[in-house]
Amino acid sequence: MQYRIEALQSLPSGQIPGPDTPVETVSFRWQPEEVRRATYHYLLTRHWVRVIDVESGQPVSGPFNPASAPPRPEAILPFT
């Protein structure tokens, strides 16, 4: 399975990104551990992050707020 990680750094105060919010950074990952690592990287660099299943185009997880506590790894992608 292929995942698209979308990261957005700037949002108006208090706003949560919706499905149509433009993203600044997009990266593709195949392995779940790579997805988890990249998600944490973007969160640490103050980006909102969401993970999309490339095949279906549907969100898998997120959006994760960089100001909140980091998500548990299984919240990003379930362990299989």
Protein backbone atom coordinates (compact mmCIF):
# COMPACT_ATOMS: atom_id res chain seq x y z
CA MET A 1 0.00 0.00 0.00
CA GLN A 2 1.19 3.52 -0.73
CA TYR A 3 0.53 6.49 1.53
CA ARG A 4 0.65 10.20 0.84
CA ILE A 5 1.69 12.38 3.76
CA GLU A 6 0.37 15.92 3.51
CA ALA A 7 1.87 18.61 5.71
CA LEU A 8 0.73 22.18 6.21
CA GLN A 9 2.65 24.67 8.31
CA SER A 10 0.52 27.80 8.52
CA LEU A 11 -3.16 28.07 9.38
CA PRO A 12 -5.21 30.90 10.83
CA SER A 13 -5.37 30.63 14.61
CA GLY A 14 -7.77 27.97 15.84
CA GLN A 15 -8.50 26.58 12.38
CA ILE A 16 -8.26 22.86 11.61
CA PRO A 17 -7.34 21.85 8.04
CA GLY A 18 -10.20 20.36 6.06
CA PRO A 19 -10.03 17.91 3.15
CA ASP A 20 -9.72 20.74 0.61
CA THR A 21 -7.09 22.79 2.48
CA PRO A 22 -4.04 23.20 0.21
CA VAL A 23 -0.89 21.49 1.48
CA GLU A 24 2.68 22.74 1.37
CA THR A 25 4.56 19.46 1.53
CA VAL A 26 3.66 16.08 0.09
CA SER A 27 5.72 12.95 0.43
CA PHE A 28 5.02 9.34 -0.44
CA ARG A 29 5.85 6.36 1.74
CA TRP A 30 5.21 2.66 1.36
CA GLN A 31 6.21 1.08 4.66
CA PRO A 32 4.08 1.86 7.74
CA GLU A 33 7.18 2.56 9.85
CA GLU A 34 8.34 5.14 7.27
CA VAL A 35 4.90 6.79 7.43
CA ARG A 36 5.04 7.00 11.22
CA ARG A 37 8.59 8.41 11.18
CA ALA A 38 7.78 11.02 8.52
CA THR A 39 4.61 12.06 10.38
CA TYR A 40 6.60 12.68 13.56
CA HIS A 41 9.23 14.58 11.57
CA TYR A 42 6.61 16.96 10.18
CA LEU A 43 4.99 17.38 13.61
CA LEU A 44 8.35 18.25 15.15
CA THR A 45 8.86 20.88 12.44
CA ARG A 46 5.48 22.43 13.37
CA HIS A 47 3.34 21.10 10.50
CA TRP A 48 -0.24 19.89 10.61
CA VAL A 49 -0.12 16.38 9.13
CA ARG A 50 -2.62 14.01 7.57
CA VAL A 51 -2.05 10.61 5.96
CA ILE A 52 -3.94 9.62 2.81
CA ASP A 53 -4.28 6.19 1.17
CA VAL A 54 -3.10 6.89 -2.38
CA GLU A 55 -5.19 4.12 -3.93
CA SER A 56 -8.55 5.21 -2.49
CA GLY A 57 -7.73 8.90 -1.97
CA GLN A 58 -9.30 8.65 1.49
CA PRO A 59 -7.73 9.96 4.71
CA VAL A 60 -6.19 7.23 6.86
CA SER A 61 -5.38 9.42 9.85
CA GLY A 62 -5.07 12.99 10.97
CA PRO A 63 -5.09 15.88 10.80
CA PHE A 64 -2.57 15.92 13.65
CA ASN A 65 -2.00 19.25 15.36
CA PRO A 66 1.67 20.12 15.99
CA ALA A 67 0.69 22.01 19.17
CA SER A 68 -0.93 18.93 20.73
CA ALA A 69 0.69 15.90 22.28
CA PRO A 70 2.13 13.64 19.56
CA PRO A 71 -0.17 10.80 18.47
CA ARG A 72 0.54 7.24 19.48
CA PRO A 73 2.17 5.32 16.61
CA GLU A 74 -0.91 3.10 16.15
CA ALA A 75 -3.04 6.25 15.75
CA ILE A 76 -0.99 7.16 12.69
CA LEU A 77 -1.21 3.68 11.14
CA PRO A 78 -2.32 0.48 12.89
CA PHE A 79 0.31 -2.17 13.50
CA THR A 80 -0.22 -5.27 11.37
